[in-house]
C-alpha atoms as a PDB file:
ATOM      1  CA  UNK A   1     -33.024  60.332 111.017  1.00  0.00           C
ATOM      2  CA  UNK A   2     -36.074  59.392 111.883  1.00  0.00           C
ATOM      3  CA  UNK A   3     -38.971  58.876 109.839  1.00  0.00           C
ATOM      4  CA  UNK A   4     -41.675  59.934 111.394  1.00  0.00           C
ATOM      5  CA  UNK A   5     -41.630  63.697 112.334  1.00  0.00           C
ATOM      6  CA  UNK A   6     -42.758  65.269 115.470  1.00  0.00           C
ATOM      7  CA  UNK A   7     -45.078  68.024 115.317  1.00  0.00           C
ATOM      8  CA  UNK A   8     -43.771  71.044 115.023  1.00  0.00           C
ATOM      9  CA  UNK A   9     -46.308  73.806 114.268  1.00  0.00           C
ATOM     10  CA  UNK A  10     -46.048  77.435 113.448  1.00  0.00           C
ATOM     11  CA  UNK A  11     -47.417  78.226 116.954  1.00  0.00           C
ATOM     12  CA  UNK A  12     -44.910  75.875 118.478  1.00  0.00           C
ATOM     13  CA  UNK A  13     -41.978  77.636 116.600  1.00  0.00           C
ATOM     14  CA  UNK A  14     -42.567  80.822 118.007  1.00  0.00           C
ATOM     15  CA  UNK A  15     -41.686  79.086 121.498  1.00  0.00           C
ATOM     16  CA  UNK A  16     -38.085  78.842 120.215  1.00  0.00           C
ATOM     17  CA  UNK A  17     -35.652  81.744 119.770  1.00  0.00           C
ATOM     18  CA  UNK A  18     -35.200  83.462 117.910  1.00  0.00           C
ATOM     19  CA  UNK A  19     -38.274  82.399 115.379  1.00  0.00           C
ATOM     20  CA  UNK A  20     -40.531  85.138 117.307  1.00  0.00           C
ATOM     21  CA  UNK A  21     -38.507  87.687 115.246  1.00  0.00           C
ATOM     22  CA  UNK A  22     -39.147  86.578 111.899  1.00  0.00           C
ATOM     23  CA  UNK A  23     -42.040  87.725 109.713  1.00  0.00           C
ATOM     24  CA  UNK A  24     -44.899  84.977 109.151  1.00  0.00           C
ATOM     25  CA  UNK A  25     -43.465  84.173 105.574  1.00  0.00           C
ATOM     26  CA  UNK A  26     -40.144  83.606 106.464  1.00  0.00           C
ATOM     27  CA  UNK A  27     -41.417  81.169 109.994  1.00  0.00           C
ATOM     28  CA  UNK A  28     -43.179  79.154 107.023  1.00  0.00           C
ATOM     29  CA  UNK A  29     -39.420  78.650 105.011  1.00  0.00           C
ATOM     30  CA  UNK A  30     -37.969  77.690 108.612  1.00  0.00           C
ATOM     31  CA  UNK A  31     -41.049  75.010 109.150  1.00  0.00           C
ATOM     32  CA  UNK A  32     -40.577  73.607 105.360  1.00  0.00           C
ATOM     33  CA  UNK A  33     -36.606  73.283 105.628  1.00  0.00           C
ATOM     34  CA  UNK A  34     -36.380  72.025 109.183  1.00  0.00           C
ATOM     35  CA  UNK A  35     -34.572  68.442 109.577  1.00  0.00           C
ATOM     36  CA  UNK A  36     -36.052  66.248 112.357  1.00  0.00           C
ATOM     37  CA  UNK A  37     -33.704  64.147 113.988  1.00  0.00           C
ATOM     38  CA  UNK A  38     -34.282  61.226 117.292  1.00  0.00           C
ATOM     39  CA  UNK A  39     -31.426  60.133 119.695  1.00  0.00           C
ATOM     40  CA  UNK A  40     -31.618  57.430 122.084  1.00  0.00           C
ATOM     41  CA  UNK A  41     -31.202  58.124 126.033  1.00  0.00           C
ATOM     42  CA  UNK A  42     -27.397  57.910 126.864  1.00  0.00           C
ATOM     43  CA  UNK A  43     -25.978  59.445 123.456  1.00  0.00           C
ATOM     44  CA  UNK A  44     -23.459  62.402 123.224  1.00  0.00           C
ATOM     45  CA  UNK A  45     -25.250  65.241 121.380  1.00  0.00           C
ATOM     46  CA  UNK A  46     -22.553  67.862 121.370  1.00  0.00           C
ATOM     47  CA  UNK A  47     -18.966  68.024 122.620  1.00  0.00           C
ATOM     48  CA  UNK A  48     -17.466  71.196 123.603  1.00  0.00           C
ATOM     49  CA  UNK A  49     -15.410  72.903 121.511  1.00  0.00           C
ATOM     50  CA  UNK A  50     -16.675  71.530 118.546  1.00  0.00           C
ATOM     51  CA  UNK A  51     -18.198  73.426 115.473  1.00  0.00           C
ATOM     52  CA  UNK A  52     -21.414  72.387 113.572  1.00  0.00           C
ATOM     53  CA  UNK A  53     -23.136  73.937 110.674  1.00  0.00           C
ATOM     54  CA  UNK A  54     -26.760  73.879 112.039  1.00  0.00           C
ATOM     55  CA  UNK A  55     -28.806  74.803 114.767  1.00  0.00           C
ATOM     56  CA  UNK A  56     -30.088  72.037 117.138  1.00  0.00           C
ATOM     57  CA  UNK A  57     -32.879  72.198 119.559  1.00  0.00           C
ATOM     58  CA  UNK A  58     -34.727  70.027 122.098  1.00  0.00           C
ATOM     59  CA  UNK A  59     -38.157  69.602 120.933  1.00  0.00           C
ATOM     60  CA  UNK A  60     -38.723  65.574 123.280  1.00  0.00           C
ATOM     61  CA  UNK A  61     -37.324  64.541 126.113  1.00  0.00           C
ATOM     62  CA  UNK A  62     -34.466  65.691 128.350  1.00  0.00           C
ATOM     63  CA  UNK A  63     -30.681  66.682 128.363  1.00  0.00           C
ATOM     64  CA  UNK A  64     -28.088  67.018 130.342  1.00  0.00           C
ATOM     65  CA  UNK A  65     -25.425  70.065 130.224  1.00  0.00           C
ATOM     66  CA  UNK A  66     -21.817  69.601 130.833  1.00  0.00           C
ATOM     67  CA  UNK A  67     -19.139  67.102 131.827  1.00  0.00           C
ATOM     68  CA  UNK A  68     -20.210  63.960 133.758  1.00  0.00           C
ATOM     69  CA  UNK A  69     -20.982  64.398 137.663  1.00  0.00           C
ATOM     70  CA  UNK A  70     -21.928  68.117 136.976  1.00  0.00           C
ATOM     71  CA  UNK A  71     -24.527  67.827 134.442  1.00  0.00           C
ATOM     72  CA  UNK A  72     -27.124  70.621 134.466  1.00  0.00           C
ATOM     73  CA  UNK A  73     -30.987  68.748 133.227  1.00  0.00           C
ATOM     74  CA  UNK A  74     -32.502  70.632 130.683  1.00  0.00           C
ATOM     75  CA  UNK A  75     -36.616  69.388 129.820  1.00  0.00           C
ATOM     76  CA  UNK A  76     -38.005  70.294 126.299  1.00  0.00           C
ATOM     77  CA  UNK A  77     -40.465  73.015 127.218  1.00  0.00           C
ATOM     78  CA  UNK A  78     -38.404  74.967 129.152  1.00  0.00           C
ATOM     79  CA  UNK A  79     -37.737  78.301 129.329  1.00  0.00           C
ATOM     80  CA  UNK A  80     -33.988  76.942 129.144  1.00  0.00           C
ATOM     81  CA  UNK A  81     -34.704  74.442 125.890  1.00  0.00           C
ATOM     82  CA  UNK A  82     -36.526  77.800 123.830  1.00  0.00           C
ATOM     83  CA  UNK A  83     -32.548  78.115 122.650  1.00  0.00           C
ATOM     84  CA  UNK A  84     -30.636  75.788 120.357  1.00  0.00           C
ATOM     85  CA  UNK A  85     -29.005  73.229 122.171  1.00  0.00           C
ATOM     86  CA  UNK A  86     -25.317  74.426 120.213  1.00  0.00           C
ATOM     87  CA  UNK A  87     -26.202  77.988 120.258  1.00  0.00           C
ATOM     88  CA  UNK A  88     -22.133  79.046 120.734  1.00  0.00           C
ATOM     89  CA  UNK A  89     -19.555  78.505 118.146  1.00  0.00           C
ATOM     90  CA  UNK A  90     -17.162  76.496 119.004  1.00  0.00           C
ATOM     91  CA  UNK A  91     -19.677  74.578 121.366  1.00  0.00           C
ATOM     92  CA  UNK A  92     -19.686  75.762 124.558  1.00  0.00           C
ATOM     93  CA  UNK A  93     -20.508  73.024 126.681  1.00  0.00           C
ATOM     94  CA  UNK A  94     -21.096  68.724 126.556  1.00  0.00           C
ATOM     95  CA  UNK A  95     -24.774  67.910 126.257  1.00  0.00           C
ATOM     96  CA  UNK A  96     -26.274  64.285 126.487  1.00  0.00           C
ATOM     97  CA  UNK A  97     -29.152  62.677 125.921  1.00  0.00           C
ATOM     98  CA  UNK A  98     -30.856  61.788 129.499  1.00  0.00           C
ATOM     99  CA  UNK A  99     -33.958  59.857 127.672  1.00  0.00           C
ATOM    100  CA  UNK A 100     -34.689  59.286 124.140  1.00  0.00           C
ATOM    101  CA  UNK A 101     -34.755  63.032 122.828  1.00  0.00           C
ATOM    102  CA  UNK A 102     -36.635  64.412 119.405  1.00  0.00           C
ATOM    103  CA  UNK A 103     -34.736  67.337 117.934  1.00  0.00           C
ATOM    104  CA  UNK A 104     -35.411  70.196 115.042  1.00  0.00           C
ATOM    105  CA  UNK A 105     -32.761  71.261 113.119  1.00  0.00           C
ATOM    106  CA  UNK A 106     -32.301  74.067 111.053  1.00  0.00           C
ATOM    107  CA  UNK A 107     -29.036  75.287 108.840  1.00  0.00           C
ATOM    108  CA  UNK A 108     -27.377  78.894 110.643  1.00  0.00           C
ATOM    109  CA  UNK A 109     -26.449  80.229 107.687  1.00  0.00           C
ATOM    110  CA  UNK A 110     -30.100  80.176 106.615  1.00  0.00           C
ATOM    111  CA  UNK A 111     -31.623  81.575 110.125  1.00  0.00           C
ATOM    112  CA  UNK A 112     -29.176  84.488 109.876  1.00  0.00           C
ATOM    113  CA  UNK A 113     -30.173  85.266 106.364  1.00  0.00           C
ATOM    114  CA  UNK A 114     -33.926  85.141 107.471  1.00  0.00           C
ATOM    115  CA  UNK A 115     -33.301  87.286 110.231  1.00  0.00           C
ATOM    116  CA  UNK A 116     -31.494  89.864 108.106  1.00  0.00           C
ATOM    117  CA  UNK A 117     -34.546  89.940 105.480  1.00  0.00           C
ATOM    118  CA  UNK A 118     -37.169  89.964 108.291  1.00  0.00           C
ATOM    119  CA  UNK A 119     -35.781  93.309 109.807  1.00  0.00           C
ATOM    120  CA  UNK A 120     -34.679  95.007 106.767  1.00  0.00           C
ATOM    121  CA  UNK A 121     -37.002  97.414 105.411  1.00  0.00           C
ATOM    122  CA  UNK A 122     -34.334  97.911 102.417  1.00  0.00           C
ATOM    123  CA  UNK A 123     -35.508  94.557 100.653  1.00  0.00           C
ATOM    124  CA  UNK A 124     -39.005  95.541  99.558  1.00  0.00           C
ATOM    125  CA  UNK A 125     -39.726  91.810  99.702  1.00  0.00           C
ATOM    126  CA  UNK A 126     -42.751  92.243 101.551  1.00  0.00           C
ATOM    127  CA  UNK A 127     -44.999  95.567 102.129  1.00  0.00           C
ATOM    128  CA  UNK A 128     -47.445  95.562 104.579  1.00  0.00           C
ATOM    129  CA  UNK A 129     -48.695  98.598 103.587  1.00  0.00           C
ATOM    130  CA  UNK A 130     -48.185  98.284  99.777  1.00  0.00           C
ATOM    131  CA  UNK A 131     -52.177  99.324  98.149  1.00  0.00           C
ATOM    132  CA  UNK A 132     -51.189  98.885  94.480  1.00  0.00           C
ATOM    133  CA  UNK A 133     -51.066  96.134  91.583  1.00  0.00           C
ATOM    134  CA  UNK A 134     -47.370  96.764  91.070  1.00  0.00           C
ATOM    135  CA  UNK A 135     -46.245  96.702  94.513  1.00  0.00           C
ATOM    136  CA  UNK A 136     -48.039  93.194  94.982  1.00  0.00           C
ATOM    137  CA  UNK A 137     -46.296  91.485  91.570  1.00  0.00           C
ATOM    138  CA  UNK A 138     -43.302  93.084  92.613  1.00  0.00           C
ATOM    139  CA  UNK A 139     -43.640  90.876  95.984  1.00  0.00           C
ATOM    140  CA  UNK A 140     -44.678  87.548  94.114  1.00  0.00           C
ATOM    141  CA  UNK A 141     -42.234  86.729  91.920  1.00  0.00           C
ATOM    142  CA  UNK A 142     -38.764  88.144  94.160  1.00  0.00           C
ATOM    143  CA  UNK A 143     -40.500  86.695  96.680  1.00  0.00           C
ATOM    144  CA  UNK A 144     -41.192  83.543  95.060  1.00  0.00           C
ATOM    145  CA  UNK A 145     -37.252  84.260  94.076  1.00  0.00           C
ATOM    146  CA  UNK A 146     -36.210  84.615  97.294  1.00  0.00           C
ATOM    147  CA  UNK A 147     -37.982  81.795  98.902  1.00  0.00           C
ATOM    148  CA  UNK A 148     -36.461  78.963  96.307  1.00  0.00           C
ATOM    149  CA  UNK A 149     -33.306  76.659  98.165  1.00  0.00           C
ATOM    150  CA  UNK A 150     -30.807  78.136  95.731  1.00  0.00           C
ATOM    151  CA  UNK A 151     -31.408  81.765  96.477  1.00  0.00           C
ATOM    152  CA  UNK A 152     -31.930  81.311 100.210  1.00  0.00           C
ATOM    153  CA  UNK A 153     -28.352  80.855 100.660  1.00  0.00           C
ATOM    154  CA  UNK A 154     -27.832  83.964  99.426  1.00  0.00           C
ATOM    155  CA  UNK A 155     -25.527  86.342 101.446  1.00  0.00           C
ATOM    156  CA  UNK A 156     -27.881  89.277 102.679  1.00  0.00           C
ATOM    157  CA  UNK A 157     -24.781  92.253 101.276  1.00  0.00           C
ATOM    158  CA  UNK A 158     -25.686  90.273  97.817  1.00  0.00           C
ATOM    159  CA  UNK A 159     -29.150  90.280  97.933  1.00  0.00           C
ATOM    160  CA  UNK A 160     -28.882  94.666  98.438  1.00  0.00           C
ATOM    161  CA  UNK A 161     -26.719  95.021  95.269  1.00  0.00           C
ATOM    162  CA  UNK A 162     -28.822  91.937  93.439  1.00  0.00           C
ATOM    163  CA  UNK A 163     -31.600  94.211  93.734  1.00  0.00           C
ATOM    164  CA  UNK A 164     -30.411  97.117  92.670  1.00  0.00           C
ATOM    165  CA  UNK A 165     -28.758  96.235  89.678  1.00  0.00           C
ATOM    166  CA  UNK A 166     -31.568  93.592  88.179  1.00  0.00           C
ATOM    167  CA  UNK A 167     -32.342  95.139  84.858  1.00  0.00           C
ATOM    168  CA  UNK A 168     -36.201  95.185  83.846  1.00  0.00           C
ATOM    169  CA  UNK A 169     -37.294  94.046  80.160  1.00  0.00           C
ATOM    170  CA  UNK A 170     -40.638  93.832  78.244  1.00  0.00           C
ATOM    171  CA  UNK A 171     -40.768  90.689  76.198  1.00  0.00           C
ATOM    172  CA  UNK A 172     -43.786  89.339  73.786  1.00  0.00           C
ATOM    173  CA  UNK A 173     -45.935  86.582  73.893  1.00  0.00           C
ATOM    174  CA  UNK A 174     -43.738  84.272  71.419  1.00  0.00           C
ATOM    175  CA  UNK A 175     -40.177  86.079  71.676  1.00  0.00           C
ATOM    176  CA  UNK A 176     -37.260  83.477  72.334  1.00  0.00           C
ATOM    177  CA  UNK A 177     -35.538  84.944  75.304  1.00  0.00           C
ATOM    178  CA  UNK A 178     -32.513  82.395  75.000  1.00  0.00           C
ATOM    179  CA  UNK A 179     -31.755  79.920  72.560  1.00  0.00           C
ATOM    180  CA  UNK A 180     -30.409  76.158  72.705  1.00  0.00           C
ATOM    181  CA  UNK A 181     -26.849  76.291  71.873  1.00  0.00           C
ATOM    182  CA  UNK A 182     -26.174  79.990  72.004  1.00  0.00           C
ATOM    183  CA  UNK A 183     -23.717  81.515  74.451  1.00  0.00           C
ATOM    184  CA  UNK A 184     -25.326  82.982  78.016  1.00  0.00           C
ATOM    185  CA  UNK A 185     -24.890  86.193  78.727  1.00  0.00           C
ATOM    186  CA  UNK A 186     -27.760  86.872  81.034  1.00  0.00           C
ATOM    187  CA  UNK A 187     -29.338  85.304  84.465  1.00  0.00           C
ATOM    188  CA  UNK A 188     -33.320  85.696  84.318  1.00  0.00           C
ATOM    189  CA  UNK A 189     -36.236  85.809  86.656  1.00  0.00           C
ATOM    190  CA  UNK A 190     -40.015  85.566  85.116  1.00  0.00           C
ATOM    191  CA  UNK A 191     -41.254  88.951  86.522  1.00  0.00           C
ATOM    192  CA  UNK A 192     -44.430  88.814  85.062  1.00  0.00           C
ATOM    193  CA  UNK A 193     -46.246  86.259  82.556  1.00  0.00           C
ATOM    194  CA  UNK A 194     -45.778  82.545  81.443  1.00  0.00           C
ATOM    195  CA  UNK A 195     -42.726  80.693  79.385  1.00  0.00           C
ATOM    196  CA  UNK A 196     -41.941  77.174  77.784  1.00  0.00           C
ATOM    197  CA  UNK A 197     -38.512  75.646  77.988  1.00  0.00           C
ATOM    198  CA  UNK A 198     -37.788  73.427  75.040  1.00  0.00           C
ATOM    199  CA  UNK A 199     -35.390  71.353  74.053  1.00  0.00           C
ATOM    200  CA  UNK A 200     -34.099  70.084  69.917  1.00  0.00           C
ATOM    201  CA  UNK A 201     -36.645  67.493  68.878  1.00  0.00           C
ATOM    202  CA  UNK A 202     -33.881  65.018  69.284  1.00  0.00           C
ATOM    203  CA  UNK A 203     -33.581  65.480  72.953  1.00  0.00           C
ATOM    204  CA  UNK A 204     -37.278  65.940  74.159  1.00  0.00           C
ATOM    205  CA  UNK A 205     -37.663  63.850  76.896  1.00  0.00           C
ATOM    206  CA  UNK A 206     -41.730  63.918  78.802  1.00  0.00           C
ATOM    207  CA  UNK A 207     -43.873  66.945  79.302  1.00  0.00           C
ATOM    208  CA  UNK A 208     -42.750  70.203  78.274  1.00  0.00           C
ATOM    209  CA  UNK A 209     -41.684  72.553  81.245  1.00  0.00           C
ATOM    210  CA  UNK A 210     -43.439  75.481  81.738  1.00  0.00           C
ATOM    211  CA  UNK A 211     -42.215  78.667  83.714  1.00  0.00           C
ATOM    212  CA  UNK A 212     -44.265  80.677  86.327  1.00  0.00           C
ATOM    213  CA  UNK A 213     -43.816  84.136  87.390  1.00  0.00           C
ATOM    214  CA  UNK A 214     -40.776  84.188  89.888  1.00  0.00           C
ATOM    215  CA  UNK A 215     -38.934  81.003  88.371  1.00  0.00           C
ATOM    216  CA  UNK A 216     -35.450  81.695  87.100  1.00  0.00           C
ATOM    217  CA  UNK A 217     -33.297  80.451  83.932  1.00  0.00           C
ATOM    218  CA  UNK A 218     -29.737  80.563  82.031  1.00  0.00           C
ATOM    219  CA  UNK A 219     -27.843  79.892  85.396  1.00  0.00           C
ATOM    220  CA  UNK A 220     -26.623  76.896  83.777  1.00  0.00           C
ATOM    221  CA  UNK A 221     -24.494  78.376  81.101  1.00  0.00           C
ATOM    222  CA  UNK A 222     -23.051  80.712  83.636  1.00  0.00           C
ATOM    223  CA  UNK A 223     -21.953  78.482  85.879  1.00  0.00           C
ATOM    224  CA  UNK A 224     -20.454  76.016  83.497  1.00  0.00           C
ATOM    225  CA  UNK A 225     -19.483  78.400  80.844  1.00  0.00           C
ATOM    226  CA  UNK A 226     -21.007  76.468  78.157  1.00  0.00           C
ATOM    227  CA  UNK A 227     -23.897  77.267  75.909  1.00  0.00           C
ATOM    228  CA  UNK A 228     -27.457  77.477  76.341  1.00  0.00           C
ATOM    229  CA  UNK A 229     -29.222  73.663  77.485  1.00  0.00           C
ATOM    230  CA  UNK A 230     -32.171  74.657  76.078  1.00  0.00           C
ATOM    231  CA  UNK A 231     -35.072  77.554  74.286  1.00  0.00           C
ATOM    232  CA  UNK A 232     -36.862  79.583  76.292  1.00  0.00           C
ATOM    233  CA  UNK A 233     -39.863  81.621  74.363  1.00  0.00           C
ATOM    234  CA  UNK A 234     -42.810  83.394  76.605  1.00  0.00           C
ATOM    235  CA  UNK A 235     -46.325  81.677  76.009  1.00  0.00           C
ATOM    236  CA  UNK A 236     -47.809  85.342  76.674  1.00  0.00           C
ATOM    237  CA  UNK A 237     -46.553  89.127  77.052  1.00  0.00           C
ATOM    238  CA  UNK A 238     -44.576  89.125  80.408  1.00  0.00           C
ATOM    239  CA  UNK A 239     -41.751  91.099  81.424  1.00  0.00           C
ATOM    240  CA  UNK A 240     -38.427  89.310  82.875  1.00  0.00           C
ATOM    241  CA  UNK A 241     -35.574  91.122  85.320  1.00  0.00           C
ATOM    242  CA  UNK A 242     -32.112  89.896  83.923  1.00  0.00           C
ATOM    243  CA  UNK A 243     -28.541  90.258  85.501  1.00  0.00           C
ATOM    244  CA  UNK A 244     -25.177  90.154  83.477  1.00  0.00           C
ATOM    245  CA  UNK A 245     -22.724  87.349  83.563  1.00  0.00           C
ATOM    246  CA  UNK A 246     -19.853  89.232  85.572  1.00  0.00           C
ATOM    247  CA  UNK A 247     -22.910  90.043  88.340  1.00  0.00           C
ATOM    248  CA  UNK A 248     -23.830  87.122  88.333  1.00  0.00           C
ATOM    249  CA  UNK A 249     -20.421  85.182  88.844  1.00  0.00           C
ATOM    250  CA  UNK A 250     -19.868  88.077  91.363  1.00  0.00           C
ATOM    251  CA  UNK A 251     -22.923  88.194  93.779  1.00  0.00           C
ATOM    252  CA  UNK A 252     -25.198  84.843  92.661  1.00  0.00           C
ATOM    253  CA  UNK A 253     -22.541  81.934  91.247  1.00  0.00           C
ATOM    254  CA  UNK A 254     -21.188  81.692  95.050  1.00  0.00           C
ATOM    255  CA  UNK A 255     -24.418  80.906  96.393  1.00  0.00           C
ATOM    256  CA  UNK A 256     -25.387  78.303  94.079  1.00  0.00           C
ATOM    257  CA  UNK A 257     -22.527  76.154  94.569  1.00  0.00           C
ATOM    258  CA  UNK A 258     -22.595  75.253  98.603  1.00  0.00           C
ATOM    259  CA  UNK A 259     -19.440  74.022  99.646  1.00  0.00           C
ATOM    260  CA  UNK A 260     -18.315  71.210 102.448  1.00  0.00           C
ATOM    261  CA  UNK A 261     -15.368  69.950 104.276  1.00  0.00           C
ATOM    262  CA  UNK A 262     -14.613  66.650 104.623  1.00  0.00           C
ATOM    263  CA  UNK A 263     -14.664  67.188 108.247  1.00  0.00           C
ATOM    264  CA  UNK A 264     -18.047  69.140 108.436  1.00  0.00           C
ATOM    265  CA  UNK A 265     -19.678  66.299 105.913  1.00  0.00           C
ATOM    266  CA  UNK A 266     -18.245  63.543 108.484  1.00  0.00           C
ATOM    267  CA  UNK A 267     -19.737  65.940 111.293  1.00  0.00           C
ATOM    268  CA  UNK A 268     -23.121  66.186 109.397  1.00  0.00           C
ATOM    269  CA  UNK A 269     -23.585  62.298 108.200  1.00  0.00           C
ATOM    270  CA  UNK A 270     -23.230  61.035 111.479  1.00  0.00           C
ATOM    271  CA  UNK A 271     -24.982  63.454 113.631  1.00  0.00           C
ATOM    272  CA  UNK A 272     -28.179  63.490 111.396  1.00  0.00           C
ATOM    273  CA  UNK A 273     -27.672  59.486 110.722  1.00  0.00           C
ATOM    274  CA  UNK A 274     -27.704  60.084 106.999  1.00  0.00           C
ATOM    275  CA  UNK A 275     -25.824  58.059 104.348  1.00  0.00           C
ATOM    276  CA  UNK A 276     -23.695  60.165 101.848  1.00  0.00           C
ATOM    277  CA  UNK A 277     -22.147  59.309  98.472  1.00  0.00           C
ATOM    278  CA  UNK A 278     -19.293  60.945  96.798  1.00  0.00           C
ATOM    279  CA  UNK A 279     -20.121  61.531  92.820  1.00  0.00           C
ATOM    280  CA  UNK A 280     -17.169  62.312  90.920  1.00  0.00           C
ATOM    281  CA  UNK A 281     -18.801  63.730  87.803  1.00  0.00           C
ATOM    282  CA  UNK A 282     -15.768  63.412  85.445  1.00  0.00           C
ATOM    283  CA  UNK A 283     -16.164  61.148  81.900  1.00  0.00           C
ATOM    284  CA  UNK A 284     -15.673  57.238  82.783  1.00  0.00           C
ATOM    285  CA  UNK A 285     -12.126  57.523  81.333  1.00  0.00           C
ATOM    286  CA  UNK A 286     -11.067  60.144  83.473  1.00  0.00           C
ATOM    287  CA  UNK A 287     -12.432  58.596  86.667  1.00  0.00           C
ATOM    288  CA  UNK A 288     -10.614  55.204  85.769  1.00  0.00           C
ATOM    289  CA  UNK A 289      -7.258  57.009  85.278  1.00  0.00           C
ATOM    290  CA  UNK A 290      -7.548  58.095  89.231  1.00  0.00           C
ATOM    291  CA  UNK A 291     -10.490  58.961  91.565  1.00  0.00           C
ATOM    292  CA  UNK A 292     -10.744  59.841  94.988  1.00  0.00           C
ATOM    293  CA  UNK A 293     -11.119  56.392  97.204  1.00  0.00           C
ATOM    294  CA  UNK A 294     -15.004  56.058  97.975  1.00  0.00           C
ATOM    295  CA  UNK A 295     -16.228  57.809  94.724  1.00  0.00           C
ATOM    296  CA  UNK A 296     -18.361  56.625  92.006  1.00  0.00           C
ATOM    297  CA  UNK A 297     -18.530  57.751  88.817  1.00  0.00           C
ATOM    298  CA  UNK A 298     -21.553  59.424  87.221  1.00  0.00           C
ATOM    299  CA  UNK A 299     -20.559  62.046  84.592  1.00  0.00           C
ATOM    300  CA  UNK A 300     -21.963  65.459  85.047  1.00  0.00           C
ATOM    301  CA  UNK A 301     -23.959  64.961  81.255  1.00  0.00           C
ATOM    302  CA  UNK A 302     -25.762  61.877  82.661  1.00  0.00           C
ATOM    303  CA  UNK A 303     -27.166  63.463  85.837  1.00  0.00           C
ATOM    304  CA  UNK A 304     -30.557  64.892  84.910  1.00  0.00           C
ATOM    305  CA  UNK A 305     -31.322  61.491  82.906  1.00  0.00           C
ATOM    306  CA  UNK A 306     -29.949  58.899  86.081  1.00  0.00           C
ATOM    307  CA  UNK A 307     -31.484  61.199  88.852  1.00  0.00           C
ATOM    308  CA  UNK A 308     -34.856  59.261  88.973  1.00  0.00           C
ATOM    309  CA  UNK A 309     -32.144  56.466  90.562  1.00  0.00           C
ATOM    310  CA  UNK A 310     -30.818  58.479  93.243  1.00  0.00           C
ATOM    311  CA  UNK A 311     -32.312  58.461  96.603  1.00  0.00           C
ATOM    312  CA  UNK A 312     -33.589  61.580  97.839  1.00  0.00           C
ATOM    313  CA  UNK A 313     -32.638  61.253 101.274  1.00  0.00           C
ATOM    314  CA  UNK A 314     -29.170  61.035 100.731  1.00  0.00           C
ATOM    315  CA  UNK A 315     -26.598  63.676 100.768  1.00  0.00           C
ATOM    316  CA  UNK A 316     -24.365  64.252  97.902  1.00  0.00           C
ATOM    317  CA  UNK A 317     -20.240  65.608  97.874  1.00  0.00           C
ATOM    318  CA  UNK A 318     -18.923  66.117  94.348  1.00  0.00           C
ATOM    319  CA  UNK A 319     -15.165  65.946  94.423  1.00  0.00           C
ATOM    320  CA  UNK A 320     -13.474  68.873  93.445  1.00  0.00           C
ATOM    321  CA  UNK A 321     -11.310  66.938  90.327  1.00  0.00           C
ATOM    322  CA  UNK A 322     -14.481  68.287  87.801  1.00  0.00           C
ATOM    323  CA  UNK A 323     -13.299  71.792  88.420  1.00  0.00           C
ATOM    324  CA  UNK A 324     -16.020  73.726  86.418  1.00  0.00           C
ATOM    325  CA  UNK A 325     -18.268  70.179  85.818  1.00  0.00           C
ATOM    326  CA  UNK A 326     -18.052  70.331  89.521  1.00  0.00           C
ATOM    327  CA  UNK A 327     -19.545  73.482  90.499  1.00  0.00           C
ATOM    328  CA  UNK A 328     -22.253  72.407  87.798  1.00  0.00           C
ATOM    329  CA  UNK A 329     -23.240  68.856  89.089  1.00  0.00           C
ATOM    330  CA  UNK A 330     -23.429  70.333  92.574  1.00  0.00           C
ATOM    331  CA  UNK A 331     -26.254  73.127  90.903  1.00  0.00           C
ATOM    332  CA  UNK A 332     -27.852  70.593  89.349  1.00  0.00           C
ATOM    333  CA  UNK A 333     -28.306  67.924  92.359  1.00  0.00           C
ATOM    334  CA  UNK A 334     -29.529  71.124  94.361  1.00  0.00           C
ATOM    335  CA  UNK A 335     -31.945  72.190  91.367  1.00  0.00           C
ATOM    336  CA  UNK A 336     -33.559  69.004  91.073  1.00  0.00           C
ATOM    337  CA  UNK A 337     -34.226  68.672  94.794  1.00  0.00           C
ATOM    338  CA  UNK A 338     -31.271  66.901  96.355  1.00  0.00           C
ATOM    339  CA  UNK A 339     -29.010  68.016  98.703  1.00  0.00           C
ATOM    340  CA  UNK A 340     -25.241  68.707  97.401  1.00  0.00           C
ATOM    341  CA  UNK A 341     -22.051  70.254  97.840  1.00  0.00           C
ATOM    342  CA  UNK A 342     -18.660  71.268  96.682  1.00  0.00           C
ATOM    343  CA  UNK A 343     -16.332  69.061  98.653  1.00  0.00           C
ATOM    344  CA  UNK A 344     -13.876  71.535  99.252  1.00  0.00           C
ATOM    345  CA  UNK A 345     -10.496  69.637 100.821  1.00  0.00           C
ATOM    346  CA  UNK A 346      -8.730  66.797  99.943  1.00  0.00           C
ATOM    347  CA  UNK A 347     -10.014  64.752 103.058  1.00  0.00           C
ATOM    348  CA  UNK A 348     -11.147  61.769 103.026  1.00  0.00           C
ATOM    349  CA  UNK A 349     -14.640  61.190 104.183  1.00  0.00           C
ATOM    350  CA  UNK A 350     -14.902  58.591 106.784  1.00  0.00           C
ATOM    351  CA  UNK A 351     -18.729  57.511 107.567  1.00  0.00           C
ATOM    352  CA  UNK A 352     -19.473  57.204 103.709  1.00  0.00           C
ATOM    353  CA  UNK A 353     -22.630  55.146 102.783  1.00  0.00           C
END
């Protein structure tokens, strides 16, 4: 993947299908989420019959559609190029770069969810007719929640249920919503007000984290089944939306732990020319007793303290041997701004960094 990003503006995005069907706020989310790819002339872009996790659009250059000897040329900016080059699944025809080309890619699942949200009035995330402060407040916290990378993966059907099952509670300044070391029973979203995240003095590192409207917390204990890893205290009077453990596990947990197969991982890193690392997040002694070839040891307890040594451009695949610890590691890595997946099969990725 090239470091230089071609110019893709909101105006240009609307020339591609189906982005003109999205509401303005979701168009911006697309623009923030796309990846840019550059390929040399002669490169095989897509092979007939294959499947891919992302949709790829021709931004600059010319490609050929079909098999050698009968390829139809397609030029960037033409009406035909307004659709993804690999819209059909499995891929309907081979695509080859006839010149140097620039592409932009977007995860299929993300686009599907954004289209559903844009076209469903029941979600209540945006209301053009809203005239009161209560509705605007609702838009603020929920809109921010759904625009987060983690909740951007939430299936539309789950989103309907999620909004209907949230409980809302008022809290006062000084209230400790969750306490370090206590069992986790709820997932929380800050609907109104501000809160501070604190650790015991022995673990304090750097600046205290302040949570704002739309920020969520409490999910780590529910993902891992462990006790609370921090205390969250209200800095001012406010309100919270909360979801009980069982509903969280049913509705939200799957979206926090994106999965990938070895075949999909190979395809992703080859097409986007990205490096990846296999992480084994068990204890070092467990790793020494046996691990997947090519994996490196990084115990889940060390993820936060060692995250500054990780490359943000690298894709991380966590091996499944750690069970719940592997799931927690995937969530923590994504929360820290990395792209991470849980490896779902014993197949061996072949394009390792």
